[in-house]
Amino acid sequence: MTPNTSAIPARDPLFVSVRDVIVQTLDLVGPKQRFTPESGLFGEIPELDSMGVVLLLTALEDRFDIQLSDDEIDAEWFETFGSVATFIRERVDQPG
């Protein structure tokens, strides 16, 4: 199942925070505003290799004060900037 990113506006505060973490962690050059929820990520940005995924997951855990387990991580969540935001929103909204 591919995450639904169409409901995430580019100005959504959580999306902006996720985008900022991605841009900073992967050291992406250029204006960060060029990345929208539909912007491709995994397979389209060379900086997101296996080490980049580990660094990104750690940065997202730190920024959003969440713990991610290996079994909940799937490559489809890293298809676009918006799918990462959806993935994080679901974890942030979980009770407990």
Foldseek 3Di string as FASTA:
>chain_A
DADDLPPPFQPPVLLVVLLVLLCVLLVPDDDSSVAGQAAFFVPPDVSCDPVSVVSSVVSLCVVLVFDDDPVVDDVSCRGGSSSVSVVSVVRSPDDD
